[in-house]
Amino acid sequence: MKHEFDISVPADHPALPGHFPGQPIVPGVVLLELAIEAAQRALAVHVRTIASAKFTSPLAPDVPCRMIVRRRDDGRIEARCIEGLRTIMTAVLEIEG
């Protein structure tokens, strides 16, 4: 079963200054943090580590997007961040237990 969360990173987020001046984009680490929070909240798990992450398209601040998390058959968590038809990020999270 997948769980979906609508998210948006505000333009005043503390990670944005310097990333990149004049044309800010949301840092990958912020998206990973949101993926971990979504997985822990939706699936009641504790994320141990990030097995893989791929960033395929930039995300601007204040742009609404959707974080989708689901438990895979191998026990890992798959996370995807999408905006419209664009995939912003995919990640595989390892959990404890």
PDB file of N, CA and C in Angstrom:
ATOM      1  N   MET A   1       0.835  -1.176   0.000  1.00  0.00           N
ATOM      2  CA  MET A   1       0.000   0.000   0.000  1.00  0.00           C
ATOM      3  C   MET A   1       0.881   1.242   0.000  1.00  0.00           C
ATOM      4  N   LYS A   2       0.544   2.206  -0.847  1.00  0.00           N
ATOM      5  CA  LYS A   2       1.329   3.430  -0.874  1.00  0.00           C
ATOM      6  C   LYS A   2       0.627   4.521  -0.087  1.00  0.00           C
ATOM      7  N   HIS A   3       1.433   5.421   0.440  1.00  0.00           N
ATOM      8  CA  HIS A   3       0.943   6.562   1.194  1.00  0.00           C
ATOM      9  C   HIS A   3       1.442   7.813   0.503  1.00  0.00           C
ATOM     10  N   GLU A   4       0.570   8.794   0.347  1.00  0.00           N
ATOM     11  CA  GLU A   4       0.914  10.011  -0.382  1.00  0.00           C
ATOM     12  C   GLU A   4       0.736  11.238   0.501  1.00  0.00           C
ATOM     13  N   PHE A   5       1.681  12.156   0.376  1.00  0.00           N
ATOM     14  CA  PHE A   5       1.665  13.396   1.151  1.00  0.00           C
ATOM     15  C   PHE A   5       1.929  14.560   0.212  1.00  0.00           C
ATOM     16  N   ASP A   6       1.108  15.588   0.287  1.00  0.00           N
ATOM     17  CA  ASP A   6       1.364  16.815  -0.460  1.00  0.00           C
ATOM     18  C   ASP A   6       2.330  17.655   0.361  1.00  0.00           C
ATOM     19  N   ILE A   7       3.392  18.093  -0.288  1.00  0.00           N
ATOM     20  CA  ILE A   7       4.414  18.871   0.412  1.00  0.00           C
ATOM     21  C   ILE A   7       4.796  20.080  -0.427  1.00  0.00           C
ATOM     22  N   SER A   8       5.438  21.029   0.218  1.00  0.00           N
ATOM     23  CA  SER A   8       6.001  22.205  -0.428  1.00  0.00           C
ATOM     24  C   SER A   8       7.081  22.737   0.496  1.00  0.00           C
ATOM     25  N   VAL A   9       8.211  23.059  -0.058  1.00  0.00           N
ATOM     26  CA  VAL A   9       9.305  23.607   0.748  1.00  0.00           C
ATOM     27  C   VAL A   9       9.251  25.129   0.612  1.00  0.00           C
ATOM     28  N   PRO A  10       9.023  25.828   1.719  1.00  0.00           N
ATOM     29  CA  PRO A  10       8.866  27.286   1.640  1.00  0.00           C
ATOM     30  C   PRO A  10      10.151  27.993   1.213  1.00  0.00           C
ATOM     31  N   ALA A  11       9.968  29.118   0.563  1.00  0.00           N
ATOM     32  CA  ALA A  11      11.109  29.891   0.056  1.00  0.00           C
ATOM     33  C   ALA A  11      12.023  30.386   1.177  1.00  0.00           C
ATOM     34  N   ASP A  12      11.512  30.465   2.406  1.00  0.00           N
ATOM     35  CA  ASP A  12      12.345  30.922   3.516  1.00  0.00           C
ATOM     36  C   ASP A  12      12.990  29.770   4.298  1.00  0.00           C
ATOM     37  N   HIS A  13      12.964  28.563   3.732  1.00  0.00           N
ATOM     38  CA  HIS A  13      13.583  27.405   4.400  1.00  0.00           C
ATOM     39  C   HIS A  13      15.076  27.709   4.612  1.00  0.00           C
ATOM     40  N   PRO A  14      15.625  27.392   5.785  1.00  0.00           N
ATOM     41  CA  PRO A  14      17.020  27.745   6.087  1.00  0.00           C
ATOM     42  C   PRO A  14      18.066  27.063   5.196  1.00  0.00           C
ATOM     43  N   ALA A  15      17.706  26.006   4.481  1.00  0.00           N
ATOM     44  CA  ALA A  15      18.683  25.327   3.614  1.00  0.00           C
ATOM     45  C   ALA A  15      18.807  25.987   2.244  1.00  0.00           C
ATOM     46  N   LEU A  16      17.934  26.936   1.926  1.00  0.00           N
ATOM     47  CA  LEU A  16      17.919  27.497   0.578  1.00  0.00           C
ATOM     48  C   LEU A  16      18.962  28.581   0.286  1.00  0.00           C
ATOM     49  N   PRO A  17      19.296  29.457   1.220  1.00  0.00           N
ATOM     50  CA  PRO A  17      20.284  30.485   0.878  1.00  0.00           C
ATOM     51  C   PRO A  17      21.585  29.849   0.370  1.00  0.00           C
ATOM     52  N   GLY A  18      22.028  30.326  -0.778  1.00  0.00           N
ATOM     53  CA  GLY A  18      23.256  29.802  -1.360  1.00  0.00           C
ATOM     54  C   GLY A  18      23.035  28.586  -2.239  1.00  0.00           C
ATOM     55  N   HIS A  19      21.794  28.154  -2.372  1.00  0.00           N
ATOM     56  CA  HIS A  19      21.517  26.919  -3.136  1.00  0.00           C
ATOM     57  C   HIS A  19      20.441  27.174  -4.187  1.00  0.00           C
ATOM     58  N   PHE A  20      20.525  27.884  -5.091  1.00  0.00           N
ATOM     59  CA  PHE A  20      21.593  28.648  -5.733  1.00  0.00           C
ATOM     60  C   PHE A  20      21.131  30.091  -5.859  1.00  0.00           C
ATOM     61  N   PRO A  21      22.023  31.042  -5.604  1.00  0.00           N
ATOM     62  CA  PRO A  21      21.640  32.462  -5.633  1.00  0.00           C
ATOM     63  C   PRO A  21      21.007  32.852  -6.974  1.00  0.00           C
ATOM     64  N   GLY A  22      19.874  33.539  -6.887  1.00  0.00           N
ATOM     65  CA  GLY A  22      19.194  34.004  -8.081  1.00  0.00           C
ATOM     66  C   GLY A  22      18.242  32.991  -8.692  1.00  0.00           C
ATOM     67  N   GLN A  23      18.449  31.720  -8.439  1.00  0.00           N
ATOM     68  CA  GLN A  23      17.556  30.671  -8.947  1.00  0.00           C
ATOM     69  C   GLN A  23      17.587  29.497  -7.961  1.00  0.00           C
ATOM     70  N   PRO A  24      16.952  29.667  -6.806  1.00  0.00           N
ATOM     71  CA  PRO A  24      17.039  28.639  -5.760  1.00  0.00           C
ATOM     72  C   PRO A  24      16.356  27.330  -6.156  1.00  0.00           C
ATOM     73  N   ILE A  25      16.955  26.233  -5.715  1.00  0.00           N
ATOM     74  CA  ILE A  25      16.330  24.921  -5.834  1.00  0.00           C
ATOM     75  C   ILE A  25      16.407  24.239  -4.470  1.00  0.00           C
ATOM     76  N   VAL A  26      15.474  23.350  -4.240  1.00  0.00           N
ATOM     77  CA  VAL A  26      15.425  22.627  -2.969  1.00  0.00           C
ATOM     78  C   VAL A  26      16.568  21.612  -2.952  1.00  0.00           C
ATOM     79  N   PRO A  27      17.443  21.653  -1.929  1.00  0.00           N
ATOM     80  CA  PRO A  27      18.538  20.688  -1.848  1.00  0.00           C
ATOM     81  C   PRO A  27      18.015  19.254  -1.692  1.00  0.00           C
ATOM     82  N   GLY A  28      18.735  18.317  -2.262  1.00  0.00           N
ATOM     83  CA  GLY A  28      18.367  16.914  -2.171  1.00  0.00           C
ATOM     84  C   GLY A  28      18.235  16.429  -0.744  1.00  0.00           C
ATOM     85  N   VAL A  29      19.080  16.935   0.132  1.00  0.00           N
ATOM     86  CA  VAL A  29      19.029  16.490   1.525  1.00  0.00           C
ATOM     87  C   VAL A  29      17.696  16.863   2.173  1.00  0.00           C
ATOM     88  N   VAL A  30      17.107  17.975   1.760  1.00  0.00           N
ATOM     89  CA  VAL A  30      15.801  18.370   2.299  1.00  0.00           C
ATOM     90  C   VAL A  30      14.729  17.397   1.806  1.00  0.00           C
ATOM     91  N   LEU A  31      14.790  17.020   0.541  1.00  0.00           N
ATOM     92  CA  LEU A  31      13.827  16.048   0.008  1.00  0.00           C
ATOM     93  C   LEU A  31      13.977  14.695   0.695  1.00  0.00           C
ATOM     94  N   LEU A  32      15.211  14.281   0.955  1.00  0.00           N
ATOM     95  CA  LEU A  32      15.426  13.010   1.658  1.00  0.00           C
ATOM     96  C   LEU A  32      14.878  13.072   3.079  1.00  0.00           C
ATOM     97  N   GLU A  33      15.073  14.187   3.735  1.00  0.00           N
ATOM     98  CA  GLU A  33      14.531  14.360   5.088  1.00  0.00           C
ATOM     99  C   GLU A  33      13.006  14.246   5.078  1.00  0.00           C
ATOM    100  N   LEU A  34      12.371  14.849   4.080  1.00  0.00           N
ATOM    101  CA  LEU A  34      10.915  14.762   3.964  1.00  0.00           C
ATOM    102  C   LEU A  34      10.462  13.331   3.645  1.00  0.00           C
ATOM    103  N   ALA A  35      11.236  12.614   2.851  1.00  0.00           N
ATOM    104  CA  ALA A  35      10.913  11.214   2.542  1.00  0.00           C
ATOM    105  C   ALA A  35      10.999  10.352   3.796  1.00  0.00           C
ATOM    106  N   ILE A  36      12.040  10.567   4.584  1.00  0.00           N
ATOM    107  CA  ILE A  36      12.208   9.808   5.827  1.00  0.00           C
ATOM    108  C   ILE A  36      11.060  10.101   6.790  1.00  0.00           C
ATOM    109  N   GLU A  37      10.713  11.373   6.936  1.00  0.00           N
ATOM    110  CA  GLU A  37       9.596  11.746   7.814  1.00  0.00           C
ATOM    111  C   GLU A  37       8.292  11.106   7.345  1.00  0.00           C
ATOM    112  N   ALA A  38       8.047  11.111   6.039  1.00  0.00           N
ATOM    113  CA  ALA A  38       6.822  10.507   5.498  1.00  0.00           C
ATOM    114  C   ALA A  38       6.784   9.012   5.767  1.00  0.00           C
ATOM    115  N   ALA A  39       7.919   8.338   5.553  1.00  0.00           N
ATOM    116  CA  ALA A  39       7.977   6.884   5.784  1.00  0.00           C
ATOM    117  C   ALA A  39       7.749   6.557   7.257  1.00  0.00           C
ATOM    118  N   GLN A  40       8.393   7.290   8.130  1.00  0.00           N
ATOM    119  CA  GLN A  40       8.263   7.011   9.563  1.00  0.00           C
ATOM    120  C   GLN A  40       6.842   7.277  10.047  1.00  0.00           C
ATOM    121  N   ARG A  41       6.224   8.318   9.536  1.00  0.00           N
ATOM    122  CA  ARG A  41       4.859   8.651   9.957  1.00  0.00           C
ATOM    123  C   ARG A  41       3.842   7.666   9.378  1.00  0.00           C
ATOM    124  N   ALA A  42       3.942   7.368   8.094  1.00  0.00           N
ATOM    125  CA  ALA A  42       2.928   6.542   7.428  1.00  0.00           C
ATOM    126  C   ALA A  42       3.060   5.064   7.751  1.00  0.00           C
ATOM    127  N   LEU A  43       4.306   4.607   7.903  1.00  0.00           N
ATOM    128  CA  LEU A  43       4.538   3.168   8.035  1.00  0.00           C
ATOM    129  C   LEU A  43       4.999   2.749   9.425  1.00  0.00           C
ATOM    130  N   ALA A  44       5.108   3.700  10.332  1.00  0.00           N
ATOM    131  CA  ALA A  44       5.527   3.423  11.708  1.00  0.00           C
ATOM    132  C   ALA A  44       6.817   2.614  11.749  1.00  0.00           C
ATOM    133  N   VAL A  45       7.821   3.097  11.021  1.00  0.00           N
ATOM    134  CA  VAL A  45       9.128   2.446  10.966  1.00  0.00           C
ATOM    135  C   VAL A  45      10.186   3.447  11.398  1.00  0.00           C
ATOM    136  N   HIS A  46      11.383   2.934  11.681  1.00  0.00           N
ATOM    137  CA  HIS A  46      12.527   3.800  11.944  1.00  0.00           C
ATOM    138  C   HIS A  46      13.528   3.591  10.814  1.00  0.00           C
ATOM    139  N   VAL A  47      13.776   4.642  10.055  1.00  0.00           N
ATOM    140  CA  VAL A  47      14.715   4.553   8.934  1.00  0.00           C
ATOM    141  C   VAL A  47      16.133   4.528   9.482  1.00  0.00           C
ATOM    142  N   ARG A  48      16.883   3.519   9.054  1.00  0.00           N
ATOM    143  CA  ARG A  48      18.257   3.335   9.502  1.00  0.00           C
ATOM    144  C   ARG A  48      19.248   4.043   8.586  1.00  0.00           C
ATOM    145  N   THR A  49      19.039   3.905   7.272  1.00  0.00           N
ATOM    146  CA  THR A  49      19.980   4.480   6.319  1.00  0.00           C
ATOM    147  C   THR A  49      19.305   4.674   4.967  1.00  0.00           C
ATOM    148  N   ILE A  50      19.950   5.428   4.127  1.00  0.00           N
ATOM    149  CA  ILE A  50      19.493   5.638   2.753  1.00  0.00           C
ATOM    150  C   ILE A  50      20.315   4.711   1.875  1.00  0.00           C
ATOM    151  N   ALA A  51      19.663   3.724   1.269  1.00  0.00           N
ATOM    152  CA  ALA A  51      20.369   2.761   0.427  1.00  0.00           C
ATOM    153  C   ALA A  51      20.731   3.375  -0.920  1.00  0.00           C
ATOM    154  N   SER A  52      19.833   4.185  -1.464  1.00  0.00           N
ATOM    155  CA  SER A  52      20.108   4.853  -2.734  1.00  0.00           C
ATOM    156  C   SER A  52      19.203   6.065  -2.870  1.00  0.00           C
ATOM    157  N   ALA A  53      19.656   7.013  -3.667  1.00  0.00           N
ATOM    158  CA  ALA A  53      18.852   8.199  -3.961  1.00  0.00           C
ATOM    159  C   ALA A  53      19.248   8.718  -5.332  1.00  0.00           C
ATOM    160  N   LYS A  54      18.252   9.144  -6.072  1.00  0.00           N
ATOM    161  CA  LYS A  54      18.492   9.677  -7.407  1.00  0.00           C
ATOM    162  C   LYS A  54      17.633  10.928  -7.573  1.00  0.00           C
ATOM    163  N   PHE A  55      18.278  12.008  -7.977  1.00  0.00           N
ATOM    164  CA  PHE A  55      17.595  13.278  -8.176  1.00  0.00           C
ATOM    165  C   PHE A  55      17.568  13.543  -9.677  1.00  0.00           C
ATOM    166  N   THR A  56      16.369  13.568 -10.256  1.00  0.00           N
ATOM    167  CA  THR A  56      16.253  13.603 -11.704  1.00  0.00           C
ATOM    168  C   THR A  56      15.754  14.931 -12.261  1.00  0.00           C
ATOM    169  N   SER A  57      15.253  15.799 -11.404  1.00  0.00           N
ATOM    170  CA  SER A  57      14.740  17.083 -11.854  1.00  0.00           C
ATOM    171  C   SER A  57      14.765  18.053 -10.676  1.00  0.00           C
ATOM    172  N   PRO A  58      15.097  19.315 -10.915  1.00  0.00           N
ATOM    173  CA  PRO A  58      15.129  20.269  -9.798  1.00  0.00           C
ATOM    174  C   PRO A  58      13.729  20.642  -9.339  1.00  0.00           C
ATOM    175  N   LEU A  59      13.636  21.014  -8.082  1.00  0.00           N
ATOM    176  CA  LEU A  59      12.381  21.479  -7.503  1.00  0.00           C
ATOM    177  C   LEU A  59      12.600  22.876  -6.943  1.00  0.00           C
ATOM    178  N   ALA A  60      11.794  23.809  -7.367  1.00  0.00           N
ATOM    179  CA  ALA A  60      11.889  25.180  -6.862  1.00  0.00           C
ATOM    180  C   ALA A  60      11.132  25.299  -5.547  1.00  0.00           C
ATOM    181  N   PRO A  61      11.519  26.254  -4.705  1.00  0.00           N
ATOM    182  CA  PRO A  61      10.783  26.492  -3.465  1.00  0.00           C
ATOM    183  C   PRO A  61       9.338  26.894  -3.762  1.00  0.00           C
ATOM    184  N   ASP A  62       8.457  26.592  -2.833  1.00  0.00           N
ATOM    185  CA  ASP A  62       7.035  26.933  -2.895  1.00  0.00           C
ATOM    186  C   ASP A  62       6.269  26.200  -3.997  1.00  0.00           C
ATOM    187  N   VAL A  63       6.888  25.238  -4.669  1.00  0.00           N
ATOM    188  CA  VAL A  63       6.197  24.467  -5.695  1.00  0.00           C
ATOM    189  C   VAL A  63       5.600  23.225  -5.032  1.00  0.00           C
ATOM    190  N   PRO A  64       4.287  23.057  -5.096  1.00  0.00           N
ATOM    191  CA  PRO A  64       3.679  21.879  -4.489  1.00  0.00           C
ATOM    192  C   PRO A  64       4.097  20.604  -5.219  1.00  0.00           C
ATOM    193  N   CYS A  65       4.348  19.573  -4.455  1.00  0.00           N
ATOM    194  CA  CYS A  65       4.697  18.278  -5.021  1.00  0.00           C
ATOM    195  C   CYS A  65       4.125  17.193  -4.116  1.00  0.00           C
ATOM    196  N   ARG A  66       4.319  15.971  -4.512  1.00  0.00           N
ATOM    197  CA  ARG A  66       3.760  14.847  -3.764  1.00  0.00           C
ATOM    198  C   ARG A  66       4.875  13.877  -3.405  1.00  0.00           C
ATOM    199  N   MET A  67       4.923  13.491  -2.134  1.00  0.00           N
ATOM    200  CA  MET A  67       5.863  12.475  -1.657  1.00  0.00           C
ATOM    201  C   MET A  67       5.070  11.180  -1.500  1.00  0.00           C
ATOM    202  N   ILE A  68       5.546  10.128  -2.149  1.00  0.00           N
ATOM    203  CA  ILE A  68       4.873   8.830  -2.119  1.00  0.00           C
ATOM    204  C   ILE A  68       5.827   7.822  -1.492  1.00  0.00           C
ATOM    205  N   VAL A  69       5.358   7.119  -0.488  1.00  0.00           N
ATOM    206  CA  VAL A  69       6.183   6.090   0.157  1.00  0.00           C
ATOM    207  C   VAL A  69       5.408   4.778   0.182  1.00  0.00           C
ATOM    208  N   ARG A  70       6.139   3.686   0.034  1.00  0.00           N
ATOM    209  CA  ARG A  70       5.525   2.359   0.125  1.00  0.00           C
ATOM    210  C   ARG A  70       6.582   1.362   0.551  1.00  0.00           C
ATOM    211  N   ARG A  71       6.114   0.326   1.241  1.00  0.00           N
ATOM    212  CA  ARG A  71       7.012  -0.759   1.663  1.00  0.00           C
ATOM    213  C   ARG A  71       7.140  -1.738   0.501  1.00  0.00           C
ATOM    214  N   ARG A  72       8.364  -2.073   0.147  1.00  0.00           N
ATOM    215  CA  ARG A  72       8.616  -3.037  -0.920  1.00  0.00           C
ATOM    216  C   ARG A  72       8.567  -4.457  -0.368  1.00  0.00           C
ATOM    217  N   ASP A  73       8.506  -5.424  -1.265  1.00  0.00           N
ATOM    218  CA  ASP A  73       8.471  -6.831  -0.853  1.00  0.00           C
ATOM    219  C   ASP A  73       9.718  -7.239  -0.077  1.00  0.00           C
ATOM    220  N   ASP A  74      10.853  -6.573  -0.339  1.00  0.00           N
ATOM    221  CA  ASP A  74      12.097  -6.911   0.359  1.00  0.00           C
ATOM    222  C   ASP A  74      12.222  -6.212   1.715  1.00  0.00           C
ATOM    223  N   GLY A  75      11.172  -5.488   2.139  1.00  0.00           N
ATOM    224  CA  GLY A  75      11.177  -4.825   3.443  1.00  0.00           C
ATOM    225  C   GLY A  75      11.696  -3.400   3.407  1.00  0.00           C
ATOM    226  N   ARG A  76      12.360  -3.028   2.351  1.00  0.00           N
ATOM    227  CA  ARG A  76      12.835  -1.647   2.226  1.00  0.00           C
ATOM    228  C   ARG A  76      11.657  -0.722   1.901  1.00  0.00           C
ATOM    229  N   ILE A  77      11.917   0.564   2.032  1.00  0.00           N
ATOM    230  CA  ILE A  77      10.912   1.569   1.724  1.00  0.00           C
ATOM    231  C   ILE A  77      11.323   2.280   0.440  1.00  0.00           C
ATOM    232  N   GLU A  78      10.370   2.398  -0.465  1.00  0.00           N
ATOM    233  CA  GLU A  78      10.590   3.164  -1.686  1.00  0.00           C
ATOM    234  C   GLU A  78       9.924   4.519  -1.513  1.00  0.00           C
ATOM    235  N   ALA A  79      10.648   5.571  -1.845  1.00  0.00           N
ATOM    236  CA  ALA A  79      10.103   6.925  -1.762  1.00  0.00           C
ATOM    237  C   ALA A  79      10.252   7.596  -3.118  1.00  0.00           C
ATOM    238  N   ARG A  80       9.217   8.318  -3.511  1.00  0.00           N
ATOM    239  CA  ARG A  80       9.251   9.084  -4.758  1.00  0.00           C
ATOM    240  C   ARG A  80       8.661  10.461  -4.502  1.00  0.00           C
ATOM    241  N   CYS A  81       9.298  11.463  -5.056  1.00  0.00           N
ATOM    242  CA  CYS A  81       8.772  12.816  -5.020  1.00  0.00           C
ATOM    243  C   CYS A  81       8.452  13.190  -6.457  1.00  0.00           C
ATOM    244  N   ILE A  82       7.201  13.585  -6.691  1.00  0.00           N
ATOM    245  CA  ILE A  82       6.784  13.955  -8.042  1.00  0.00           C
ATOM    246  C   ILE A  82       6.128  15.333  -8.016  1.00  0.00           C
ATOM    247  N   GLU A  83       6.232  16.009  -9.139  1.00  0.00           N
ATOM    248  CA  GLU A  83       5.566  17.303  -9.322  1.00  0.00           C
ATOM    249  C   GLU A  83       4.935  17.242 -10.702  1.00  0.00           C
ATOM    250  N   GLY A  84       3.624  17.132 -10.721  1.00  0.00           N
ATOM    251  CA  GLY A  84       2.937  16.924 -11.996  1.00  0.00           C
ATOM    252  C   GLY A  84       3.366  15.592 -12.581  1.00  0.00           C
ATOM    253  N   LEU A  85       3.889  15.608 -13.780  1.00  0.00           N
ATOM    254  CA  LEU A  85       4.376  14.391 -14.431  1.00  0.00           C
ATOM    255  C   LEU A  85       5.874  14.179 -14.228  1.00  0.00           C
ATOM    256  N   ARG A  86       6.531  15.147 -13.589  1.00  0.00           N
ATOM    257  CA  ARG A  86       7.984  15.055 -13.387  1.00  0.00           C
ATOM    258  C   ARG A  86       8.324  14.284 -12.126  1.00  0.00           C
ATOM    259  N   THR A  87       9.285  13.382 -12.252  1.00  0.00           N
ATOM    260  CA  THR A  87       9.851  12.740 -11.070  1.00  0.00           C
ATOM    261  C   THR A  87      11.016  13.604 -10.605  1.00  0.00           C
ATOM    262  N   ILE A  88      10.943  14.044  -9.373  1.00  0.00           N
ATOM    263  CA  ILE A  88      11.974  14.896  -8.792  1.00  0.00           C
ATOM    264  C   ILE A  88      13.063  14.033  -8.144  1.00  0.00           C
ATOM    265  N   MET A  89      12.635  12.996  -7.406  1.00  0.00           N
ATOM    266  CA  MET A  89      13.559  12.166  -6.642  1.00  0.00           C
ATOM    267  C   MET A  89      12.982  10.782  -6.465  1.00  0.00           C
ATOM    268  N   THR A  90      13.865   9.795  -6.468  1.00  0.00           N
ATOM    269  CA  THR A  90      13.510   8.452  -6.030  1.00  0.00           C
ATOM    270  C   THR A  90      14.557   8.026  -5.003  1.00  0.00           C
ATOM    271  N   ALA A  91      14.129   7.241  -4.026  1.00  0.00           N
ATOM    272  CA  ALA A  91      15.060   6.798  -2.992  1.00  0.00           C
ATOM    273  C   ALA A  91      14.601   5.449  -2.454  1.00  0.00           C
ATOM    274  N   VAL A  92      15.569   4.711  -1.945  1.00  0.00           N
ATOM    275  CA  VAL A  92      15.296   3.453  -1.241  1.00  0.00           C
ATOM    276  C   VAL A  92      15.851   3.628   0.167  1.00  0.00           C
ATOM    277  N   LEU A  93      14.999   3.385   1.152  1.00  0.00           N
ATOM    278  CA  LEU A  93      15.367   3.568   2.550  1.00  0.00           C
ATOM    279  C   LEU A  93      15.424   2.209   3.252  1.00  0.00           C
ATOM    280  N   GLU A  94      16.462   2.015   4.047  1.00  0.00           N
ATOM    281  CA  GLU A  94      16.586   0.796   4.864  1.00  0.00           C
ATOM    282  C   GLU A  94      16.008   1.093   6.235  1.00  0.00           C
ATOM    283  N   ILE A  95      15.279   0.151   6.772  1.00  0.00           N
ATOM    284  CA  ILE A  95      14.673   0.345   8.096  1.00  0.00           C
ATOM    285  C   ILE A  95      15.259  -0.638   9.106  1.00  0.00           C
ATOM    286  N   GLU A  96      15.087  -0.295  10.376  1.00  0.00           N
ATOM    287  CA  GLU A  96      15.528  -1.198  11.440  1.00  0.00           C
ATOM    288  C   GLU A  96      14.527  -2.323  11.593  1.00  0.00           C
ATOM    289  N   GLY A  97      15.071  -3.489  11.963  1.00  0.00           N
ATOM    290  CA  GLY A  97      14.193  -4.603  12.247  1.00  0.00           C
ATOM    291  C   GLY A  97      13.998  -5.431  11.062  1.00  0.00           C
TER     292      GLY A  97
END
